[in-house]
Amino acid sequence: FRELERELSYAGGVTGAAEDRLKELLLEVQDLERITNL
């Protein structure tokens, strides 16, 4: 999650709802690179 938050800050930042959705997906697929590719 901390690494994802760093990636999101590089991308310009997303809101809480979008971040929560990405974290849900991260727990589901267990692959950070696939999530950051989105």
All heavy atoms as atom14 arrays in JSON, in Angstrom:
{
  "sequence": "FRELERELSYAGGVTGAAEDRLKELLLEVQDLERITNL",
  "atom14_mask": [
    [1, 1, 1, 1, 1, 1, 1, 1, 1, 1, 1, 0, 0, 0],
    [1, 1, 1, 1, 1, 1, 1, 1, 1, 1, 1, 0, 0, 0],
    [1, 1, 1, 1, 1, 1, 1, 1, 1, 0, 0, 0, 0, 0],
    [1, 1, 1, 1, 1, 1, 1, 1, 0, 0, 0, 0, 0, 0],
    [1, 1, 1, 1, 1, 1, 1, 1, 1, 0, 0, 0, 0, 0],
    [1, 1, 1, 1, 1, 1, 1, 1, 1, 1, 1, 0, 0, 0],
    [1, 1, 1, 1, 1, 1, 1, 1, 1, 0, 0, 0, 0, 0],
    [1, 1, 1, 1, 1, 1, 1, 1, 0, 0, 0, 0, 0, 0],
    [1, 1, 1, 1, 1, 1, 0, 0, 0, 0, 0, 0, 0, 0],
    [1, 1, 1, 1, 1, 1, 1, 1, 1, 1, 1, 1, 0, 0],
    [1, 1, 1, 1, 1, 0, 0, 0, 0, 0, 0, 0, 0, 0],
    [1, 1, 1, 1, 0, 0, 0, 0, 0, 0, 0, 0, 0, 0],
    [1, 1, 1, 1, 0, 0, 0, 0, 0, 0, 0, 0, 0, 0],
    [1, 1, 1, 1, 1, 1, 1, 0, 0, 0, 0, 0, 0, 0],
    [1, 1, 1, 1, 1, 1, 1, 0, 0, 0, 0, 0, 0, 0],
    [1, 1, 1, 1, 0, 0, 0, 0, 0, 0, 0, 0, 0, 0],
    [1, 1, 1, 1, 1, 0, 0, 0, 0, 0, 0, 0, 0, 0],
    [1, 1, 1, 1, 1, 0, 0, 0, 0, 0, 0, 0, 0, 0],
    [1, 1, 1, 1, 1, 1, 1, 1, 1, 0, 0, 0, 0, 0],
    [1, 1, 1, 1, 1, 1, 1, 1, 0, 0, 0, 0, 0, 0],
    [1, 1, 1, 1, 1, 1, 1, 1, 1, 1, 1, 0, 0, 0],
    [1, 1, 1, 1, 1, 1, 1, 1, 0, 0, 0, 0, 0, 0],
    [1, 1, 1, 1, 1, 1, 1, 1, 1, 0, 0, 0, 0, 0],
    [1, 1, 1, 1, 1, 1, 1, 1, 1, 0, 0, 0, 0, 0],
    [1, 1, 1, 1, 1, 1, 1, 1, 0, 0, 0, 0, 0, 0],
    [1, 1, 1, 1, 1, 1, 1, 1, 0, 0, 0, 0, 0, 0],
    [1, 1, 1, 1, 1, 1, 1, 1, 0, 0, 0, 0, 0, 0],
    [1, 1, 1, 1, 1, 1, 1, 1, 1, 0, 0, 0, 0, 0],
    [1, 1, 1, 1, 1, 1, 1, 0, 0, 0, 0, 0, 0, 0],
    [1, 1, 1, 1, 1, 1, 1, 1, 1, 0, 0, 0, 0, 0],
    [1, 1, 1, 1, 1, 1, 1, 1, 0, 0, 0, 0, 0, 0],
    [1, 1, 1, 1, 1, 1, 1, 1, 0, 0, 0, 0, 0, 0],
    [1, 1, 1, 1, 1, 1, 1, 1, 1, 0, 0, 0, 0, 0],
    [1, 1, 1, 1, 1, 1, 1, 1, 1, 1, 1, 0, 0, 0],
    [1, 1, 1, 1, 1, 1, 1, 1, 0, 0, 0, 0, 0, 0],
    [1, 1, 1, 1, 1, 1, 1, 0, 0, 0, 0, 0, 0, 0],
    [1, 1, 1, 1, 1, 1, 1, 1, 0, 0, 0, 0, 0, 0],
    [1, 1, 1, 1, 1, 1, 1, 1, 0, 0, 0, 0, 0, 0]
  ],
  "atom14_positions": [
    [[0.83, -1.2, 0.0], [0.0, 0.0, 0.0], [0.87, 1.25, 0.0], [0.58, 2.23, -0.7], [-0.92, 0.02, 1.22], [-2.05, -0.97, 1.16], [-2.78, -1.28, 2.29], [-2.39, -1.61, -0.03], [-3.82, -2.18, 2.25], [-3.43, -2.53, -0.09], [-4.15, -2.81, 1.06], [0.0, 0.0, 0.0], [0.0, 0.0, 0.0], [0.0, 0.0, 0.0]],
    [[1.94, 1.24, 0.8], [2.82, 2.41, 0.85], [3.48, 2.65, -0.52], [3.6, 3.8, -0.96], [3.88, 2.24, 1.94], [3.36, 2.53, 3.35], [4.48, 2.59, 4.36], [4.95, 1.26, 4.7], [4.43, 0.51, 5.68], [3.43, 0.98, 6.42], [4.91, -0.68, 5.95], [0.0, 0.0, 0.0], [0.0, 0.0, 0.0], [0.0, 0.0, 0.0]],
    [[3.87, 1.57, -1.17], [4.47, 1.71, -2.5], [3.44, 2.21, -3.51], [3.74, 3.06, -4.36], [5.05, 0.36, -2.96], [5.76, 0.41, -4.3], [6.97, 1.34, -4.3], [7.59, 1.5, -3.22], [7.27, 1.9, -5.37], [0.0, 0.0, 0.0], [0.0, 0.0, 0.0], [0.0, 0.0, 0.0], [0.0, 0.0, 0.0], [0.0, 0.0, 0.0]],
    [[2.21, 1.73, -3.41], [1.14, 2.19, -4.29], [0.87, 3.68, -4.08], [0.68, 4.43, -5.04], [-0.13, 1.38, -4.05], [-1.37, 1.81, -4.84], [-1.13, 1.7, -6.34], [-2.59, 0.98, -4.43], [0.0, 0.0, 0.0], [0.0, 0.0, 0.0], [0.0, 0.0, 0.0], [0.0, 0.0, 0.0], [0.0, 0.0, 0.0], [0.0, 0.0, 0.0]],
    [[0.85, 4.11, -2.84], [0.62, 5.53, -2.54], [1.71, 6.4, -3.16], [1.44, 7.51, -3.63], [0.54, 5.73, -1.03], [-0.75, 5.19, -0.42], [-0.69, 5.04, 1.08], [0.38, 5.38, 1.66], [-1.67, 4.57, 1.67], [0.0, 0.0, 0.0], [0.0, 0.0, 0.0], [0.0, 0.0, 0.0], [0.0, 0.0, 0.0], [0.0, 0.0, 0.0]],
    [[2.96, 5.91, -3.15], [4.04, 6.66, -3.79], [3.79, 6.77, -5.3], [3.98, 7.83, -5.9], [5.39, 6.0, -3.51], [5.97, 6.32, -2.14], [7.43, 5.92, -2.04], [7.6, 4.47, -2.03], [7.57, 3.73, -0.91], [7.38, 4.31, 0.27], [7.74, 2.43, -0.97], [0.0, 0.0, 0.0], [0.0, 0.0, 0.0], [0.0, 0.0, 0.0]],
    [[3.35, 5.66, -5.91], [3.06, 5.68, -7.34], [1.92, 6.64, -7.65], [1.94, 7.36, -8.66], [2.7, 4.27, -7.82], [3.84, 3.27, -7.8], [4.86, 3.53, -8.89], [4.54, 4.25, -9.85], [5.99, 3.02, -8.77], [0.0, 0.0, 0.0], [0.0, 0.0, 0.0], [0.0, 0.0, 0.0], [0.0, 0.0, 0.0], [0.0, 0.0, 0.0]],
    [[0.92, 6.66, -6.78], [-0.22, 7.55, -7.0], [0.2, 9.01, -6.9], [-0.31, 9.86, -7.63], [-1.33, 7.25, -5.99], [-2.01, 5.88, -6.12], [-3.04, 5.7, -5.02], [-2.68, 5.74, -7.48], [0.0, 0.0, 0.0], [0.0, 0.0, 0.0], [0.0, 0.0, 0.0], [0.0, 0.0, 0.0], [0.0, 0.0, 0.0], [0.0, 0.0, 0.0]],
    [[1.12, 9.3, -6.0], [1.58, 10.68, -5.88], [2.34, 11.1, -7.13], [2.24, 12.24, -7.57], [2.46, 10.85, -4.64], [3.68, 10.13, -4.77], [0.0, 0.0, 0.0], [0.0, 0.0, 0.0], [0.0, 0.0, 0.0], [0.0, 0.0, 0.0], [0.0, 0.0, 0.0], [0.0, 0.0, 0.0], [0.0, 0.0, 0.0], [0.0, 0.0, 0.0]],
    [[3.09, 10.17, -7.75], [3.77, 10.48, -9.0], [2.76, 10.73, -10.12], [2.99, 11.54, -11.0], [4.7, 9.33, -9.42], [5.79, 9.02, -8.43], [6.29, 7.72, -8.3], [6.35, 10.01, -7.62], [7.28, 7.41, -7.39], [7.35, 9.71, -6.71], [7.81, 8.42, -6.6], [8.8, 8.11, -5.71], [0.0, 0.0, 0.0], [0.0, 0.0, 0.0]],
    [[1.63, 10.0, -10.08], [0.62, 10.11, -11.14], [-0.26, 11.35, -10.97], [-1.13, 11.6, -11.79], [-0.26, 8.86, -11.16], [0.0, 0.0, 0.0], [0.0, 0.0, 0.0], [0.0, 0.0, 0.0], [0.0, 0.0, 0.0], [0.0, 0.0, 0.0], [0.0, 0.0, 0.0], [0.0, 0.0, 0.0], [0.0, 0.0, 0.0], [0.0, 0.0, 0.0]],
    [[-0.06, 12.11, -9.93], [-0.84, 13.33, -9.74], [-1.86, 13.24, -8.64], [-2.57, 14.19, -8.37], [0.0, 0.0, 0.0], [0.0, 0.0, 0.0], [0.0, 0.0, 0.0], [0.0, 0.0, 0.0], [0.0, 0.0, 0.0], [0.0, 0.0, 0.0], [0.0, 0.0, 0.0], [0.0, 0.0, 0.0], [0.0, 0.0, 0.0], [0.0, 0.0, 0.0]],
    [[-1.96, 12.09, -8.01], [-2.86, 11.96, -6.88], [-4.26, 11.56, -7.3], [-4.78, 12.01, -8.31], [0.0, 0.0, 0.0], [0.0, 0.0, 0.0], [0.0, 0.0, 0.0], [0.0, 0.0, 0.0], [0.0, 0.0, 0.0], [0.0, 0.0, 0.0], [0.0, 0.0, 0.0], [0.0, 0.0, 0.0], [0.0, 0.0, 0.0], [0.0, 0.0, 0.0]],
    [[-4.86, 10.68, -6.55], [-6.26, 10.31, -6.77], [-6.99, 10.49, -5.45], [-6.4, 10.62, -4.39], [-6.4, 8.85, -7.26], [-5.7, 8.64, -8.57], [-5.88, 7.87, -6.2], [0.0, 0.0, 0.0], [0.0, 0.0, 0.0], [0.0, 0.0, 0.0], [0.0, 0.0, 0.0], [0.0, 0.0, 0.0], [0.0, 0.0, 0.0], [0.0, 0.0, 0.0]],
    [[-8.31, 10.49, -5.54], [-9.12, 10.68, -4.34], [-9.2, 9.4, -3.53], [-8.8, 8.32, -3.97], [-10.53, 11.1, -4.74], [-11.09, 10.09, -5.56], [-10.5, 12.41, -5.49], [0.0, 0.0, 0.0], [0.0, 0.0, 0.0], [0.0, 0.0, 0.0], [0.0, 0.0, 0.0], [0.0, 0.0, 0.0], [0.0, 0.0, 0.0], [0.0, 0.0, 0.0]],
    [[-9.77, 9.53, -2.35], [-9.88, 8.38, -1.46], [-10.63, 7.22, -2.07], [-10.24, 6.06, -1.91], [0.0, 0.0, 0.0], [0.0, 0.0, 0.0], [0.0, 0.0, 0.0], [0.0, 0.0, 0.0], [0.0, 0.0, 0.0], [0.0, 0.0, 0.0], [0.0, 0.0, 0.0], [0.0, 0.0, 0.0], [0.0, 0.0, 0.0], [0.0, 0.0, 0.0]],
    [[-11.72, 7.5, -2.79], [-12.52, 6.42, -3.37], [-11.72, 5.65, -4.4], [-11.75, 4.41, -4.44], [-13.79, 6.99, -3.99], [0.0, 0.0, 0.0], [0.0, 0.0, 0.0], [0.0, 0.0, 0.0], [0.0, 0.0, 0.0], [0.0, 0.0, 0.0], [0.0, 0.0, 0.0], [0.0, 0.0, 0.0], [0.0, 0.0, 0.0], [0.0, 0.0, 0.0]],
    [[-10.98, 6.36, -5.26], [-10.17, 5.69, -6.27], [-9.04, 4.91, -5.61], [-8.72, 3.78, -6.01], [-9.62, 6.71, -7.25], [0.0, 0.0, 0.0], [0.0, 0.0, 0.0], [0.0, 0.0, 0.0], [0.0, 0.0, 0.0], [0.0, 0.0, 0.0], [0.0, 0.0, 0.0], [0.0, 0.0, 0.0], [0.0, 0.0, 0.0], [0.0, 0.0, 0.0]],
    [[-8.41, 5.49, -4.61], [-7.33, 4.8, -3.91], [-7.84, 3.54, -3.22], [-7.2, 2.48, -3.28], [-6.68, 5.74, -2.9], [-5.48, 5.15, -2.19], [-4.79, 6.16, -1.29], [-4.68, 7.33, -1.69], [-4.35, 5.76, -0.2], [0.0, 0.0, 0.0], [0.0, 0.0, 0.0], [0.0, 0.0, 0.0], [0.0, 0.0, 0.0], [0.0, 0.0, 0.0]],
    [[-9.0, 3.64, -2.6], [-9.59, 2.46, -1.95], [-9.86, 1.37, -2.97], [-9.65, 0.17, -2.7], [-10.89, 2.84, -1.24], [-10.65, 3.7, -0.01], [-9.49, 3.77, 0.44], [-11.62, 4.31, 0.48], [0.0, 0.0, 0.0], [0.0, 0.0, 0.0], [0.0, 0.0, 0.0], [0.0, 0.0, 0.0], [0.0, 0.0, 0.0], [0.0, 0.0, 0.0]],
    [[-10.35, 1.75, -4.15], [-10.63, 0.76, -5.19], [-9.35, 0.07, -5.62], [-9.29, -1.15, -5.79], [-11.3, 1.45, -6.38], [-11.46, 0.56, -7.61], [-12.32, -0.64, -7.34], [-12.5, -1.45, -8.53], [-13.0, -2.68, -8.52], [-13.38, -3.23, -7.38], [-13.12, -3.36, -9.64], [0.0, 0.0, 0.0], [0.0, 0.0, 0.0], [0.0, 0.0, 0.0]],
    [[-8.27, 0.84, -5.81], [-6.99, 0.25, -6.22], [-6.45, -0.67, -5.14], [-5.86, -1.72, -5.44], [-6.0, 1.36, -6.54], [-6.32, 2.17, -7.81], [-5.38, 3.36, -7.92], [-6.21, 1.29, -9.06], [0.0, 0.0, 0.0], [0.0, 0.0, 0.0], [0.0, 0.0, 0.0], [0.0, 0.0, 0.0], [0.0, 0.0, 0.0], [0.0, 0.0, 0.0]],
    [[-6.63, -0.32, -3.89], [-6.17, -1.18, -2.8], [-6.98, -2.47, -2.74], [-6.44, -3.55, -2.46], [-6.23, -0.43, -1.47], [-5.14, 0.64, -1.35], [-5.21, 1.38, -0.02], [-4.07, 2.39, 0.11], [-4.13, 3.15, 1.39], [0.0, 0.0, 0.0], [0.0, 0.0, 0.0], [0.0, 0.0, 0.0], [0.0, 0.0, 0.0], [0.0, 0.0, 0.0]],
    [[-8.28, -2.36, -2.99], [-9.11, -3.57, -3.06], [-8.6, -4.51, -4.16], [-8.48, -5.72, -3.96], [-10.57, -3.2, -3.35], [-11.31, -2.55, -2.19], [-12.68, -2.08, -2.62], [-13.12, -2.45, -3.74], [-13.32, -1.32, -1.86], [0.0, 0.0, 0.0], [0.0, 0.0, 0.0], [0.0, 0.0, 0.0], [0.0, 0.0, 0.0], [0.0, 0.0, 0.0]],
    [[-8.3, -3.93, -5.32], [-7.78, -4.73, -6.43], [-6.43, -5.34, -6.09], [-6.13, -6.48, -6.46], [-7.66, -3.86, -7.68], [-8.96, -3.47, -8.39], [-8.68, -2.48, -9.5], [-9.66, -4.71, -8.95], [0.0, 0.0, 0.0], [0.0, 0.0, 0.0], [0.0, 0.0, 0.0], [0.0, 0.0, 0.0], [0.0, 0.0, 0.0], [0.0, 0.0, 0.0]],
    [[-5.6, -4.56, -5.39], [-4.28, -5.05, -5.03], [-4.38, -6.28, -4.14], [-3.67, -7.28, -4.32], [-3.49, -3.94, -4.32], [-2.06, -4.26, -3.9], [-1.22, -4.7, -5.09], [-1.43, -3.04, -3.23], [0.0, 0.0, 0.0], [0.0, 0.0, 0.0], [0.0, 0.0, 0.0], [0.0, 0.0, 0.0], [0.0, 0.0, 0.0], [0.0, 0.0, 0.0]],
    [[-5.28, -6.23, -3.17], [-5.47, -7.4, -2.3], [-6.04, -8.57, -3.08], [-5.77, -9.74, -2.78], [-6.41, -7.04, -1.14], [-5.87, -6.05, -0.11], [-6.94, -5.74, 0.93], [-4.62, -6.61, 0.57], [0.0, 0.0, 0.0], [0.0, 0.0, 0.0], [0.0, 0.0, 0.0], [0.0, 0.0, 0.0], [0.0, 0.0, 0.0], [0.0, 0.0, 0.0]],
    [[-6.83, -8.25, -4.12], [-7.48, -9.31, -4.89], [-6.49, -10.03, -5.81], [-6.47, -11.25, -5.88], [-8.62, -8.7, -5.71], [-9.43, -9.69, -6.52], [-10.53, -9.0, -7.28], [-11.18, -8.09, -6.72], [-10.74, -9.35, -8.46], [0.0, 0.0, 0.0], [0.0, 0.0, 0.0], [0.0, 0.0, 0.0], [0.0, 0.0, 0.0], [0.0, 0.0, 0.0]],
    [[-5.66, -9.26, -6.53], [-4.76, -9.88, -7.52], [-3.36, -10.11, -6.97], [-2.59, -10.86, -7.57], [-4.7, -9.03, -8.8], [-6.08, -8.86, -9.4], [-4.05, -7.67, -8.55], [0.0, 0.0, 0.0], [0.0, 0.0, 0.0], [0.0, 0.0, 0.0], [0.0, 0.0, 0.0], [0.0, 0.0, 0.0], [0.0, 0.0, 0.0], [0.0, 0.0, 0.0]],
    [[-3.0, -9.43, -5.87], [-1.71, -9.62, -5.2], [-0.53, -9.36, -6.12], [0.47, -10.08, -6.1], [-1.63, -11.02, -4.59], [-2.68, -11.27, -3.51], [-2.65, -12.68, -2.98], [-3.45, -13.51, -3.38], [-1.71, -12.95, -2.09], [0.0, 0.0, 0.0], [0.0, 0.0, 0.0], [0.0, 0.0, 0.0], [0.0, 0.0, 0.0], [0.0, 0.0, 0.0]],
    [[-0.66, -8.33, -6.97], [0.42, -8.0, -7.9], [0.45, -6.48, -8.05], [-0.4, -5.89, -8.72], [0.15, -8.67, -9.25], [1.35, -8.55, -10.2], [2.04, -7.51, -10.14], [1.57, -9.46, -11.01], [0.0, 0.0, 0.0], [0.0, 0.0, 0.0], [0.0, 0.0, 0.0], [0.0, 0.0, 0.0], [0.0, 0.0, 0.0], [0.0, 0.0, 0.0]],
    [[1.44, -5.86, -7.42], [1.53, -4.4, -7.42], [1.76, -3.85, -8.82], [1.19, -2.82, -9.19], [2.66, -3.96, -6.49], [2.89, -2.45, -6.38], [1.66, -1.74, -5.82], [4.11, -2.17, -5.49], [0.0, 0.0, 0.0], [0.0, 0.0, 0.0], [0.0, 0.0, 0.0], [0.0, 0.0, 0.0], [0.0, 0.0, 0.0], [0.0, 0.0, 0.0]],
    [[2.57, -4.51, -9.62], [2.88, -4.01, -10.95], [1.62, -3.96, -11.83], [1.43, -3.02, -12.6], [3.95, -4.87, -11.6], [4.5, -4.28, -12.88], [5.72, -5.05, -13.39], [6.14, -6.02, -12.73], [6.23, -4.68, -14.45], [0.0, 0.0, 0.0], [0.0, 0.0, 0.0], [0.0, 0.0, 0.0], [0.0, 0.0, 0.0], [0.0, 0.0, 0.0]],
    [[0.76, -4.96, -11.72], [-0.47, -4.95, -12.51], [-1.37, -3.78, -12.11], [-2.03, -3.18, -12.95], [-1.24, -6.27, -12.31], [-0.64, -7.46, -13.04], [-1.47, -8.72, -12.8], [-2.76, -8.65, -13.47], [-3.73, -9.54, -13.27], [-3.57, -10.53, -12.4], [-4.88, -9.44, -13.92], [0.0, 0.0, 0.0], [0.0, 0.0, 0.0], [0.0, 0.0, 0.0]],
    [[-1.36, -3.45, -10.82], [-2.19, -2.33, -10.37], [-1.62, -1.0, -10.84], [-2.34, -0.13, -11.34], [-2.32, -2.34, -8.83], [-2.95, -3.66, -8.36], [-3.13, -1.15, -8.36], [-4.3, -3.95, -8.94], [0.0, 0.0, 0.0], [0.0, 0.0, 0.0], [0.0, 0.0, 0.0], [0.0, 0.0, 0.0], [0.0, 0.0, 0.0], [0.0, 0.0, 0.0]],
    [[-0.31, -0.81, -10.7], [0.28, 0.46, -11.12], [0.2, 0.63, -12.63], [0.16, 1.76, -13.12], [1.75, 0.57, -10.66], [2.49, -0.57, -11.13], [1.82, 0.62, -9.14], [0.0, 0.0, 0.0], [0.0, 0.0, 0.0], [0.0, 0.0, 0.0], [0.0, 0.0, 0.0], [0.0, 0.0, 0.0], [0.0, 0.0, 0.0], [0.0, 0.0, 0.0]],
    [[0.14, -0.47, -13.38], [-0.03, -0.37, -14.82], [-1.37, 0.26, -15.18], [-1.53, 0.88, -16.25], [0.08, -1.74, -15.49], [1.52, -2.2, -15.63], [2.44, -1.4, -15.53], [1.71, -3.49, -15.83], [0.0, 0.0, 0.0], [0.0, 0.0, 0.0], [0.0, 0.0, 0.0], [0.0, 0.0, 0.0], [0.0, 0.0, 0.0], [0.0, 0.0, 0.0]],
    [[-2.38, 0.1, -14.32], [-3.68, 0.71, -14.57], [-3.56, 2.23, -14.64], [-4.32, 2.89, -15.34], [-4.67, 0.34, -13.46], [-5.25, -1.07, -13.47], [-6.16, -1.25, -12.27], [-6.02, -1.32, -14.75], [0.0, 0.0, 0.0], [0.0, 0.0, 0.0], [0.0, 0.0, 0.0], [0.0, 0.0, 0.0], [0.0, 0.0, 0.0], [0.0, 0.0, 0.0]]
  ]
}
